[in-house]
Structure formats: C-alpha cells, structure tokens
C-alpha cells in the first residue's frame, strides 16, 4: 500500500486506517506462515 493510498484513507477516518493496517499485517503474517 502506498503513502498516497494511506493519505486518502486517512481523509475518511484515522481509526479505519489503523484497522486496515492491522488487517494487512495479519494477512501478511498468515501468508508468510503458509
């Protein structure tokens, strides 16, 4: 995800960005495990 995408998400709601970042981190970790 690029900084530009994060900035556009932050315009929506910062808490949503934190949620999305946490979800992406979780998916990346699961992807590495598999």
PDB file of N, CA and C in Angstrom:
ATOM      1  N   UNK A   1       0.856  -1.200   0.000  1.00  0.00           N
ATOM      2  CA  UNK A   1       0.000   0.000   0.000  1.00  0.00           C
ATOM      3  C   UNK A   1       0.888   1.244   0.000  1.00  0.00           C
ATOM      4  N   UNK A   2       0.583   2.189  -0.860  1.00  0.00           N
ATOM      5  CA  UNK A   2       1.412   3.388  -0.974  1.00  0.00           C
ATOM      6  C   UNK A   2       1.003   4.454   0.031  1.00  0.00           C
ATOM      7  N   UNK A   3       1.893   5.428   0.245  1.00  0.00           N
ATOM      8  CA  UNK A   3       1.584   6.541   1.146  1.00  0.00           C
ATOM      9  C   UNK A   3       0.366   7.306   0.647  1.00  0.00           C
ATOM     10  N   UNK A   4       0.261   7.422  -0.678  1.00  0.00           N
ATOM     11  CA  UNK A   4      -0.867   8.155  -1.265  1.00  0.00           C
ATOM     12  C   UNK A   4      -2.187   7.474  -0.911  1.00  0.00           C
ATOM     13  N   UNK A   5      -2.208   6.146  -0.961  1.00  0.00           N
ATOM     14  CA  UNK A   5      -3.417   5.402  -0.604  1.00  0.00           C
ATOM     15  C   UNK A   5      -3.743   5.589   0.869  1.00  0.00           C
ATOM     16  N   UNK A   6      -2.710   5.547   1.718  1.00  0.00           N
ATOM     17  CA  UNK A   6      -2.935   5.742   3.148  1.00  0.00           C
ATOM     18  C   UNK A   6      -3.477   7.138   3.431  1.00  0.00           C
ATOM     19  N   UNK A   7      -2.950   8.135   2.742  1.00  0.00           N
ATOM     20  CA  UNK A   7      -3.425   9.501   2.944  1.00  0.00           C
ATOM     21  C   UNK A   7      -4.894   9.634   2.556  1.00  0.00           C
ATOM     22  N   UNK A   8      -5.286   8.994   1.468  1.00  0.00           N
ATOM     23  CA  UNK A   8      -6.683   9.079   1.043  1.00  0.00           C
ATOM     24  C   UNK A   8      -7.578   8.367   2.049  1.00  0.00           C
ATOM     25  N   UNK A   9      -7.069   7.290   2.663  1.00  0.00           N
ATOM     26  CA  UNK A   9      -7.844   6.588   3.685  1.00  0.00           C
ATOM     27  C   UNK A   9      -7.947   7.430   4.953  1.00  0.00           C
ATOM     28  N   UNK A  10      -6.853   8.126   5.291  1.00  0.00           N
ATOM     29  CA  UNK A  10      -6.860   8.943   6.498  1.00  0.00           C
ATOM     30  C   UNK A  10      -7.855  10.089   6.397  1.00  0.00           C
ATOM     31  N   UNK A  11      -8.184  10.495   5.169  1.00  0.00           N
ATOM     32  CA  UNK A  11      -9.202  11.540   5.000  1.00  0.00           C
ATOM     33  C   UNK A  11     -10.568  10.997   5.400  1.00  0.00           C
ATOM     34  N   UNK A  12     -10.741   9.695   5.282  1.00  0.00           N
ATOM     35  CA  UNK A  12     -12.023   9.084   5.648  1.00  0.00           C
ATOM     36  C   UNK A  12     -12.141   9.047   7.175  1.00  0.00           C
ATOM     37  N   UNK A  13     -11.185   8.324   7.808  1.00  0.00           N
ATOM     38  CA  UNK A  13     -11.223   8.224   9.264  1.00  0.00           C
ATOM     39  C   UNK A  13      -9.945   7.544   9.746  1.00  0.00           C
ATOM     40  N   UNK A  14      -9.127   8.235  10.543  1.00  0.00           N
ATOM     41  CA  UNK A  14      -7.851   7.668  11.007  1.00  0.00           C
ATOM     42  C   UNK A  14      -7.998   6.296  11.667  1.00  0.00           C
ATOM     43  N   UNK A  15      -9.062   6.088  12.428  1.00  0.00           N
ATOM     44  CA  UNK A  15      -9.234   4.798  13.107  1.00  0.00           C
ATOM     45  C   UNK A  15      -9.428   3.665  12.100  1.00  0.00           C
ATOM     46  N   UNK A  16     -10.058   3.976  10.960  1.00  0.00           N
ATOM     47  CA  UNK A  16     -10.223   2.966   9.918  1.00  0.00           C
ATOM     48  C   UNK A  16      -8.872   2.578   9.339  1.00  0.00           C
ATOM     49  N   UNK A  17      -7.973   3.551   9.212  1.00  0.00           N
ATOM     50  CA  UNK A  17      -6.636   3.271   8.676  1.00  0.00           C
ATOM     51  C   UNK A  17      -5.896   2.315   9.608  1.00  0.00           C
ATOM     52  N   UNK A  18      -5.996   2.554  10.920  1.00  0.00           N
ATOM     53  CA  UNK A  18      -5.342   1.664  11.884  1.00  0.00           C
ATOM     54  C   UNK A  18      -5.900   0.253  11.760  1.00  0.00           C
ATOM     55  N   UNK A  19      -7.207   0.156  11.569  1.00  0.00           N
ATOM     56  CA  UNK A  19      -7.857  -1.148  11.436  1.00  0.00           C
ATOM     57  C   UNK A  19      -7.369  -1.862  10.176  1.00  0.00           C
ATOM     58  N   UNK A  20      -7.285  -1.120   9.079  1.00  0.00           N
ATOM     59  CA  UNK A  20      -6.836  -1.688   7.806  1.00  0.00           C
ATOM     60  C   UNK A  20      -5.371  -2.109   7.902  1.00  0.00           C
ATOM     61  N   UNK A  21      -4.549  -1.277   8.524  1.00  0.00           N
ATOM     62  CA  UNK A  21      -3.131  -1.621   8.693  1.00  0.00           C
ATOM     63  C   UNK A  21      -2.981  -2.899   9.509  1.00  0.00           C
ATOM     64  N   UNK A  22      -3.767  -3.022  10.573  1.00  0.00           N
ATOM     65  CA  UNK A  22      -3.703  -4.225  11.417  1.00  0.00           C
ATOM     66  C   UNK A  22      -4.134  -5.452  10.614  1.00  0.00           C
ATOM     67  N   UNK A  23      -5.167  -5.305   9.817  1.00  0.00           N
ATOM     68  CA  UNK A  23      -5.663  -6.407   8.990  1.00  0.00           C
ATOM     69  C   UNK A  23      -4.613  -6.813   7.954  1.00  0.00           C
ATOM     70  N   UNK A  24      -3.982  -5.827   7.313  1.00  0.00           N
ATOM     71  CA  UNK A  24      -2.935  -6.121   6.326  1.00  0.00           C
ATOM     72  C   UNK A  24      -1.763  -6.835   6.981  1.00  0.00           C
ATOM     73  N   UNK A  25      -1.359  -6.396   8.167  1.00  0.00           N
ATOM     74  CA  UNK A  25      -0.252  -7.034   8.880  1.00  0.00           C
ATOM     75  C   UNK A  25      -0.591  -8.482   9.192  1.00  0.00           C
ATOM     76  N   UNK A  26      -1.830  -8.709   9.629  1.00  0.00           N
ATOM     77  CA  UNK A  26      -2.266 -10.061   9.975  1.00  0.00           C
ATOM     78  C   UNK A  26      -2.250 -10.953   8.737  1.00  0.00           C
ATOM     79  N   UNK A  27      -2.754 -10.438   7.623  1.00  0.00           N
ATOM     80  CA  UNK A  27      -2.779 -11.215   6.385  1.00  0.00           C
ATOM     81  C   UNK A  27      -1.362 -11.512   5.899  1.00  0.00           C
ATOM     82  N   UNK A  28      -0.467 -10.546   6.020  1.00  0.00           N
ATOM     83  CA  UNK A  28       0.925 -10.747   5.603  1.00  0.00           C
ATOM     84  C   UNK A  28       1.580 -11.831   6.456  1.00  0.00           C
ATOM     85  N   UNK A  29       1.313 -11.807   7.762  1.00  0.00           N
ATOM     86  CA  UNK A  29       1.884 -12.811   8.657  1.00  0.00           C
ATOM     87  C   UNK A  29       1.362 -14.199   8.296  1.00  0.00           C
ATOM     88  N   UNK A  30       0.065 -14.318   8.047  1.00  0.00           N
ATOM     89  CA  UNK A  30      -0.527 -15.600   7.676  1.00  0.00           C
ATOM     90  C   UNK A  30       0.047 -16.087   6.352  1.00  0.00           C
ATOM     91  N   UNK A  31       0.273 -15.157   5.430  1.00  0.00           N
ATOM     92  CA  UNK A  31       0.836 -15.503   4.125  1.00  0.00           C
ATOM     93  C   UNK A  31       2.249 -16.045   4.256  1.00  0.00           C
ATOM     94  N   UNK A  32       3.025 -15.473   5.193  1.00  0.00           N
ATOM     95  CA  UNK A  32       4.405 -15.927   5.383  1.00  0.00           C
ATOM     96  C   UNK A  32       4.439 -17.302   6.038  1.00  0.00           C
ATOM     97  N   UNK A  33       3.476 -17.549   6.929  1.00  0.00           N
ATOM     98  CA  UNK A  33       3.434 -18.827   7.638  1.00  0.00           C
ATOM     99  C   UNK A  33       3.094 -19.960   6.661  1.00  0.00           C
ATOM    100  N   UNK A  34       2.166 -19.699   5.754  1.00  0.00           N
ATOM    101  CA  UNK A  34       1.715 -20.742   4.827  1.00  0.00           C
ATOM    102  C   UNK A  34       2.714 -21.039   3.728  1.00  0.00           C
TER     103      UNK A  34
END
